[in-house]
């Protein structure tokens, strides 16, 4: 079973970062572990940006010029 969660801001940015959001799935934990990163530590350190960067899970776009909504999508298979 492959589940995927995607969350992003419609304005193309999340706070002061260049990322609009991120994507995680069932392989994210394994990818982080292979890079000697523990998901619990990433979350405890509030460092999701660098955790997602390490596993190619960031959504990076330029500014969209609008801030209508944040979008979260959960895909279950």
PDB file of N, CA and C in Angstrom:
ATOM      1  N   UNK A   1       0.834  -1.174   0.000  1.00  0.00           N
ATOM      2  CA  UNK A   1       0.000   0.000   0.000  1.00  0.00           C
ATOM      3  C   UNK A   1       0.882   1.240   0.000  1.00  0.00           C
ATOM      4  N   UNK A   2       0.627   2.152  -0.900  1.00  0.00           N
ATOM      5  CA  UNK A   2       1.373   3.405  -0.980  1.00  0.00           C
ATOM      6  C   UNK A   2       0.430   4.548  -0.669  1.00  0.00           C
ATOM      7  N   UNK A   3       0.721   5.231   0.424  1.00  0.00           N
ATOM      8  CA  UNK A   3      -0.022   6.429   0.789  1.00  0.00           C
ATOM      9  C   UNK A   3       0.881   7.621   0.553  1.00  0.00           C
ATOM     10  N   UNK A   4       0.297   8.717   0.179  1.00  0.00           N
ATOM     11  CA  UNK A   4       1.073   9.927  -0.071  1.00  0.00           C
ATOM     12  C   UNK A   4       0.306  11.116   0.473  1.00  0.00           C
ATOM     13  N   UNK A   5       1.020  11.988   1.176  1.00  0.00           N
ATOM     14  CA  UNK A   5       0.433  13.224   1.673  1.00  0.00           C
ATOM     15  C   UNK A   5       1.180  14.378   1.025  1.00  0.00           C
ATOM     16  N   UNK A   6       0.433  15.288   0.456  1.00  0.00           N
ATOM     17  CA  UNK A   6       0.982  16.492  -0.153  1.00  0.00           C
ATOM     18  C   UNK A   6       0.307  17.685   0.493  1.00  0.00           C
ATOM     19  N   UNK A   7       1.090  18.656   0.894  1.00  0.00           N
ATOM     20  CA  UNK A   7       0.539  19.878   1.468  1.00  0.00           C
ATOM     21  C   UNK A   7       1.335  21.060   0.938  1.00  0.00           C
ATOM     22  N   UNK A   8       0.638  22.109   0.514  1.00  0.00           N
ATOM     23  CA  UNK A   8       1.331  23.287  -0.006  1.00  0.00           C
ATOM     24  C   UNK A   8       0.449  24.530   0.095  1.00  0.00           C
ATOM     25  N   UNK A   9       1.096  25.669   0.093  1.00  0.00           N
ATOM     26  CA  UNK A   9       0.397  26.942   0.120  1.00  0.00           C
ATOM     27  C   UNK A   9       0.189  27.446  -1.291  1.00  0.00           C
ATOM     28  N   UNK A  10      -0.997  27.953  -1.571  1.00  0.00           N
ATOM     29  CA  UNK A  10      -1.299  28.410  -2.929  1.00  0.00           C
ATOM     30  C   UNK A  10      -0.476  29.624  -3.340  1.00  0.00           C
ATOM     31  N   UNK A  11       0.151  30.294  -2.353  1.00  0.00           N
ATOM     32  CA  UNK A  11       0.989  31.440  -2.704  1.00  0.00           C
ATOM     33  C   UNK A  11       2.391  31.023  -3.127  1.00  0.00           C
ATOM     34  N   UNK A  12       2.716  29.738  -2.987  1.00  0.00           N
ATOM     35  CA  UNK A  12       4.008  29.240  -3.412  1.00  0.00           C
ATOM     36  C   UNK A  12       5.102  29.353  -2.372  1.00  0.00           C
ATOM     37  N   UNK A  13       4.741  29.702  -1.134  1.00  0.00           N
ATOM     38  CA  UNK A  13       5.747  29.837  -0.078  1.00  0.00           C
ATOM     39  C   UNK A  13       5.168  29.375   1.247  1.00  0.00           C
ATOM     40  N   UNK A  14       6.040  28.836   2.088  1.00  0.00           N
ATOM     41  CA  UNK A  14       5.651  28.436   3.433  1.00  0.00           C
ATOM     42  C   UNK A  14       6.520  29.211   4.401  1.00  0.00           C
ATOM     43  N   UNK A  15       5.961  30.223   5.004  1.00  0.00           N
ATOM     44  CA  UNK A  15       6.747  31.057   5.909  1.00  0.00           C
ATOM     45  C   UNK A  15       7.838  31.788   5.154  1.00  0.00           C
ATOM     46  N   UNK A  16       9.039  31.725   5.680  1.00  0.00           N
ATOM     47  CA  UNK A  16      10.167  32.455   5.087  1.00  0.00           C
ATOM     48  C   UNK A  16      11.048  31.573   4.207  1.00  0.00           C
ATOM     49  N   UNK A  17      10.572  30.402   3.851  1.00  0.00           N
ATOM     50  CA  UNK A  17      11.368  29.503   3.014  1.00  0.00           C
ATOM     51  C   UNK A  17      11.009  29.689   1.549  1.00  0.00           C
ATOM     52  N   UNK A  18      11.772  29.030   0.692  1.00  0.00           N
ATOM     53  CA  UNK A  18      11.478  29.055  -0.743  1.00  0.00           C
ATOM     54  C   UNK A  18      10.557  27.918  -1.153  1.00  0.00           C
ATOM     55  N   UNK A  19      10.152  27.098  -0.188  1.00  0.00           N
ATOM     56  CA  UNK A  19       9.289  25.957  -0.487  1.00  0.00           C
ATOM     57  C   UNK A  19       7.829  26.331  -0.283  1.00  0.00           C
ATOM     58  N   UNK A  20       6.998  25.828  -1.154  1.00  0.00           N
ATOM     59  CA  UNK A  20       5.564  26.023  -1.017  1.00  0.00           C
ATOM     60  C   UNK A  20       4.921  24.921  -0.207  1.00  0.00           C
ATOM     61  N   UNK A  21       5.642  23.827   0.001  1.00  0.00           N
ATOM     62  CA  UNK A  21       5.106  22.698   0.751  1.00  0.00           C
ATOM     63  C   UNK A  21       5.976  21.481   0.566  1.00  0.00           C
ATOM     64  N   UNK A  22       5.367  20.321   0.777  1.00  0.00           N
ATOM     65  CA  UNK A  22       6.142  19.092   0.660  1.00  0.00           C
ATOM     66  C   UNK A  22       5.281  17.879   0.390  1.00  0.00           C
ATOM     67  N   UNK A  23       5.966  16.800   0.051  1.00  0.00           N
ATOM     68  CA  UNK A  23       5.338  15.514  -0.240  1.00  0.00           C
ATOM     69  C   UNK A  23       6.049  14.446   0.569  1.00  0.00           C
ATOM     70  N   UNK A  24       5.266  13.604   1.255  1.00  0.00           N
ATOM     71  CA  UNK A  24       5.830  12.446   1.951  1.00  0.00           C
ATOM     72  C   UNK A  24       5.022  11.220   1.575  1.00  0.00           C
ATOM     73  N   UNK A  25       5.686  10.080   1.597  1.00  0.00           N
ATOM     74  CA  UNK A  25       4.998   8.824   1.329  1.00  0.00           C
ATOM     75  C   UNK A  25       5.655   7.715   2.131  1.00  0.00           C
ATOM     76  N   UNK A  26       5.312   6.492   1.838  1.00  0.00           N
ATOM     77  CA  UNK A  26       5.815   5.347   2.576  1.00  0.00           C
ATOM     78  C   UNK A  26       7.313   5.141   2.463  1.00  0.00           C
ATOM     79  N   UNK A  27       7.956   5.792   1.517  1.00  0.00           N
ATOM     80  CA  UNK A  27       9.400   5.633   1.336  1.00  0.00           C
ATOM     81  C   UNK A  27      10.208   6.740   2.001  1.00  0.00           C
ATOM     82  N   UNK A  28       9.551   7.783   2.467  1.00  0.00           N
ATOM     83  CA  UNK A  28      10.258   8.931   3.036  1.00  0.00           C
ATOM     84  C   UNK A  28      11.140   8.529   4.210  1.00  0.00           C
ATOM     85  N   UNK A  29      10.607   7.729   5.132  1.00  0.00           N
ATOM     86  CA  UNK A  29      11.370   7.305   6.308  1.00  0.00           C
ATOM     87  C   UNK A  29      12.607   6.510   5.904  1.00  0.00           C
ATOM     88  N   UNK A  30      12.457   5.629   4.917  1.00  0.00           N
ATOM     89  CA  UNK A  30      13.587   4.823   4.445  1.00  0.00           C
ATOM     90  C   UNK A  30      14.668   5.695   3.800  1.00  0.00           C
ATOM     91  N   UNK A  31      14.257   6.659   3.018  1.00  0.00           N
ATOM     92  CA  UNK A  31      15.214   7.552   2.357  1.00  0.00           C
ATOM     93  C   UNK A  31      15.981   8.352   3.398  1.00  0.00           C
ATOM     94  N   UNK A  32      15.266   8.874   4.403  1.00  0.00           N
ATOM     95  CA  UNK A  32      15.933   9.624   5.472  1.00  0.00           C
ATOM     96  C   UNK A  32      16.903   8.731   6.231  1.00  0.00           C
ATOM     97  N   UNK A  33      16.497   7.498   6.541  1.00  0.00           N
ATOM     98  CA  UNK A  33      17.369   6.566   7.269  1.00  0.00           C
ATOM     99  C   UNK A  33      18.637   6.265   6.479  1.00  0.00           C
ATOM    100  N   UNK A  34      18.509   6.138   5.166  1.00  0.00           N
ATOM    101  CA  UNK A  34      19.680   5.875   4.324  1.00  0.00           C
ATOM    102  C   UNK A  34      20.654   7.051   4.343  1.00  0.00           C
ATOM    103  N   UNK A  35      20.150   8.234   4.682  1.00  0.00           N
ATOM    104  CA  UNK A  35      20.999   9.428   4.770  1.00  0.00           C
ATOM    105  C   UNK A  35      21.346   9.743   6.219  1.00  0.00           C
ATOM    106  N   UNK A  36      21.148   8.733   7.099  1.00  0.00           N
ATOM    107  CA  UNK A  36      21.464   8.829   8.526  1.00  0.00           C
ATOM    108  C   UNK A  36      20.655   9.922   9.227  1.00  0.00           C
ATOM    109  N   UNK A  37      19.420  10.104   8.783  1.00  0.00           N
ATOM    110  CA  UNK A  37      18.510  11.048   9.416  1.00  0.00           C
ATOM    111  C   UNK A  37      17.327  10.271   9.984  1.00  0.00           C
ATOM    112  N   UNK A  38      16.973  10.546  11.237  1.00  0.00           N
ATOM    113  CA  UNK A  38      15.826   9.893  11.857  1.00  0.00           C
ATOM    114  C   UNK A  38      14.641  10.846  11.802  1.00  0.00           C
ATOM    115  N   UNK A  39      13.524  10.326  11.345  1.00  0.00           N
ATOM    116  CA  UNK A  39      12.349  11.164  11.178  1.00  0.00           C
ATOM    117  C   UNK A  39      11.926  11.804  12.499  1.00  0.00           C
ATOM    118  N   UNK A  40      12.075  11.071  13.614  1.00  0.00           N
ATOM    119  CA  UNK A  40      11.725  11.638  14.920  1.00  0.00           C
ATOM    120  C   UNK A  40      12.586  12.854  15.250  1.00  0.00           C
ATOM    121  N   UNK A  41      13.872  12.790  14.911  1.00  0.00           N
ATOM    122  CA  UNK A  41      14.769  13.920  15.177  1.00  0.00           C
ATOM    123  C   UNK A  41      14.436  15.111  14.288  1.00  0.00           C
ATOM    124  N   UNK A  42      14.128  14.840  13.037  1.00  0.00           N
ATOM    125  CA  UNK A  42      13.766  15.916  12.108  1.00  0.00           C
ATOM    126  C   UNK A  42      12.546  16.667  12.644  1.00  0.00           C
ATOM    127  N   UNK A  43      11.550  15.921  13.107  1.00  0.00           N
ATOM    128  CA  UNK A  43      10.336  16.545  13.633  1.00  0.00           C
ATOM    129  C   UNK A  43      10.602  17.257  14.958  1.00  0.00           C
ATOM    130  N   UNK A  44      11.358  16.620  15.856  1.00  0.00           N
ATOM    131  CA  UNK A  44      11.657  17.229  17.155  1.00  0.00           C
ATOM    132  C   UNK A  44      12.456  18.518  17.003  1.00  0.00           C
ATOM    133  N   UNK A  45      13.317  18.568  15.990  1.00  0.00           N
ATOM    134  CA  UNK A  45      14.136  19.756  15.747  1.00  0.00           C
ATOM    135  C   UNK A  45      13.404  20.811  14.910  1.00  0.00           C
ATOM    136  N   UNK A  46      12.140  20.552  14.571  1.00  0.00           N
ATOM    137  CA  UNK A  46      11.378  21.453  13.701  1.00  0.00           C
ATOM    138  C   UNK A  46      12.152  21.765  12.424  1.00  0.00           C
ATOM    139  N   UNK A  47      12.748  20.732  11.838  1.00  0.00           N
ATOM    140  CA  UNK A  47      13.601  20.900  10.660  1.00  0.00           C
ATOM    141  C   UNK A  47      13.066  20.101   9.473  1.00  0.00           C
ATOM    142  N   UNK A  48      11.775  20.185   9.262  1.00  0.00           N
ATOM    143  CA  UNK A  48      11.152  19.445   8.172  1.00  0.00           C
ATOM    144  C   UNK A  48      11.676  19.914   6.821  1.00  0.00           C
ATOM    145  N   UNK A  49      11.975  21.195   6.702  1.00  0.00           N
ATOM    146  CA  UNK A  49      12.506  21.706   5.437  1.00  0.00           C
ATOM    147  C   UNK A  49      13.731  20.908   5.009  1.00  0.00           C
ATOM    148  N   UNK A  50      14.721  20.794   5.886  1.00  0.00           N
ATOM    149  CA  UNK A  50      15.943  20.071   5.513  1.00  0.00           C
ATOM    150  C   UNK A  50      15.713  18.573   5.406  1.00  0.00           C
ATOM    151  N   UNK A  51      14.786  18.043   6.176  1.00  0.00           N
ATOM    152  CA  UNK A  51      14.437  16.631   6.035  1.00  0.00           C
ATOM    153  C   UNK A  51      13.841  16.344   4.671  1.00  0.00           C
ATOM    154  N   UNK A  52      12.902  17.186   4.243  1.00  0.00           N
ATOM    155  CA  UNK A  52      12.290  17.002   2.926  1.00  0.00           C
ATOM    156  C   UNK A  52      13.271  17.312   1.802  1.00  0.00           C
ATOM    157  N   UNK A  53      14.167  18.260   2.046  1.00  0.00           N
ATOM    158  CA  UNK A  53      15.199  18.558   1.058  1.00  0.00           C
ATOM    159  C   UNK A  53      16.083  17.334   0.833  1.00  0.00           C
ATOM    160  N   UNK A  54      16.415  16.642   1.913  1.00  0.00           N
ATOM    161  CA  UNK A  54      17.286  15.463   1.831  1.00  0.00           C
ATOM    162  C   UNK A  54      16.642  14.313   1.052  1.00  0.00           C
ATOM    163  N   UNK A  55      15.325  14.254   1.039  1.00  0.00           N
ATOM    164  CA  UNK A  55      14.668  13.142   0.335  1.00  0.00           C
ATOM    165  C   UNK A  55      13.890  13.615  -0.886  1.00  0.00           C
ATOM    166  N   UNK A  56      14.232  14.794  -1.389  1.00  0.00           N
ATOM    167  CA  UNK A  56      13.609  15.346  -2.595  1.00  0.00           C
ATOM    168  C   UNK A  56      12.089  15.447  -2.450  1.00  0.00           C
ATOM    169  N   UNK A  57      11.640  15.872  -1.261  1.00  0.00           N
ATOM    170  CA  UNK A  57      10.216  15.959  -1.004  1.00  0.00           C
ATOM    171  C   UNK A  57       9.666  17.368  -0.943  1.00  0.00           C
ATOM    172  N   UNK A  58      10.501  18.369  -1.206  1.00  0.00           N
ATOM    173  CA  UNK A  58      10.011  19.746  -1.174  1.00  0.00           C
ATOM    174  C   UNK A  58       9.282  20.102  -2.459  1.00  0.00           C
ATOM    175  N   UNK A  59       8.254  20.920  -2.327  1.00  0.00           N
ATOM    176  CA  UNK A  59       7.593  21.510  -3.495  1.00  0.00           C
ATOM    177  C   UNK A  59       8.074  22.952  -3.551  1.00  0.00           C
ATOM    178  N   UNK A  60       8.851  23.273  -4.574  1.00  0.00           N
ATOM    179  CA  UNK A  60       9.395  24.619  -4.706  1.00  0.00           C
ATOM    180  C   UNK A  60       8.881  25.225  -5.999  1.00  0.00           C
ATOM    181  N   UNK A  61       8.186  26.322  -5.859  1.00  0.00           N
ATOM    182  CA  UNK A  61       7.682  27.073  -7.004  1.00  0.00           C
ATOM    183  C   UNK A  61       8.045  28.532  -6.780  1.00  0.00           C
ATOM    184  N   UNK A  62       7.855  29.324  -7.755  1.00  0.00           N
ATOM    185  CA  UNK A  62       7.998  30.756  -7.550  1.00  0.00           C
ATOM    186  C   UNK A  62       6.684  31.281  -6.983  1.00  0.00           C
ATOM    187  N   UNK A  63       6.687  32.515  -6.562  1.00  0.00           N
ATOM    188  CA  UNK A  63       5.474  33.118  -6.031  1.00  0.00           C
ATOM    189  C   UNK A  63       4.361  33.055  -7.068  1.00  0.00           C
ATOM    190  N   UNK A  64       3.175  32.690  -6.620  1.00  0.00           N
ATOM    191  CA  UNK A  64       2.036  32.604  -7.538  1.00  0.00           C
ATOM    192  C   UNK A  64       1.280  33.919  -7.629  1.00  0.00           C
ATOM    193  N   UNK A  65       1.564  34.846  -6.714  1.00  0.00           N
ATOM    194  CA  UNK A  65       0.876  36.123  -6.726  1.00  0.00           C
ATOM    195  C   UNK A  65      -0.506  36.075  -6.099  1.00  0.00           C
ATOM    196  N   UNK A  66      -0.844  34.959  -5.488  1.00  0.00           N
ATOM    197  CA  UNK A  66      -2.146  34.824  -4.826  1.00  0.00           C
ATOM    198  C   UNK A  66      -1.980  34.033  -3.544  1.00  0.00           C
ATOM    199  N   UNK A  67      -2.838  34.268  -2.598  1.00  0.00           N
ATOM    200  CA  UNK A  67      -2.812  33.507  -1.356  1.00  0.00           C
ATOM    201  C   UNK A  67      -4.237  33.146  -0.997  1.00  0.00           C
ATOM    202  N   UNK A  68      -4.833  32.325  -1.824  1.00  0.00           N
ATOM    203  CA  UNK A  68      -6.226  31.957  -1.662  1.00  0.00           C
ATOM    204  C   UNK A  68      -6.406  30.912  -0.573  1.00  0.00           C
ATOM    205  N   UNK A  69      -5.539  29.926  -0.538  1.00  0.00           N
ATOM    206  CA  UNK A  69      -5.775  28.796   0.343  1.00  0.00           C
ATOM    207  C   UNK A  69      -4.524  27.948   0.486  1.00  0.00           C
ATOM    208  N   UNK A  70      -4.502  27.131   1.502  1.00  0.00           N
ATOM    209  CA  UNK A  70      -3.522  26.064   1.598  1.00  0.00           C
ATOM    210  C   UNK A  70      -4.235  24.785   1.174  1.00  0.00           C
ATOM    211  N   UNK A  71      -3.491  23.894   0.563  1.00  0.00           N
ATOM    212  CA  UNK A  71      -4.087  22.665   0.030  1.00  0.00           C
ATOM    213  C   UNK A  71      -3.376  21.470   0.642  1.00  0.00           C
ATOM    214  N   UNK A  72      -4.144  20.515   1.090  1.00  0.00           N
ATOM    215  CA  UNK A  72      -3.596  19.249   1.593  1.00  0.00           C
ATOM    216  C   UNK A  72      -4.322  18.114   0.881  1.00  0.00           C
ATOM    217  N   UNK A  73      -3.542  17.159   0.377  1.00  0.00           N
ATOM    218  CA  UNK A  73      -4.107  16.030  -0.360  1.00  0.00           C
ATOM    219  C   UNK A  73      -3.531  14.753   0.211  1.00  0.00           C
ATOM    220  N   UNK A  74      -4.407  13.798   0.524  1.00  0.00           N
ATOM    221  CA  UNK A  74      -4.001  12.476   0.983  1.00  0.00           C
ATOM    222  C   UNK A  74      -4.443  11.479  -0.059  1.00  0.00           C
ATOM    223  N   UNK A  75      -3.491  10.749  -0.622  1.00  0.00           N
ATOM    224  CA  UNK A  75      -3.804   9.707  -1.596  1.00  0.00           C
ATOM    225  C   UNK A  75      -3.582   8.358  -0.936  1.00  0.00           C
ATOM    226  N   UNK A  76      -4.573   7.494  -1.005  1.00  0.00           N
ATOM    227  CA  UNK A  76      -4.479   6.146  -0.451  1.00  0.00           C
ATOM    228  C   UNK A  76      -4.715   5.154  -1.570  1.00  0.00           C
ATOM    229  N   UNK A  77      -3.879   4.144  -1.605  1.00  0.00           N
ATOM    230  CA  UNK A  77      -4.033   3.130  -2.637  1.00  0.00           C
ATOM    231  C   UNK A  77      -4.083   1.784  -1.996  1.00  0.00           C
TER     232      UNK A  77
END
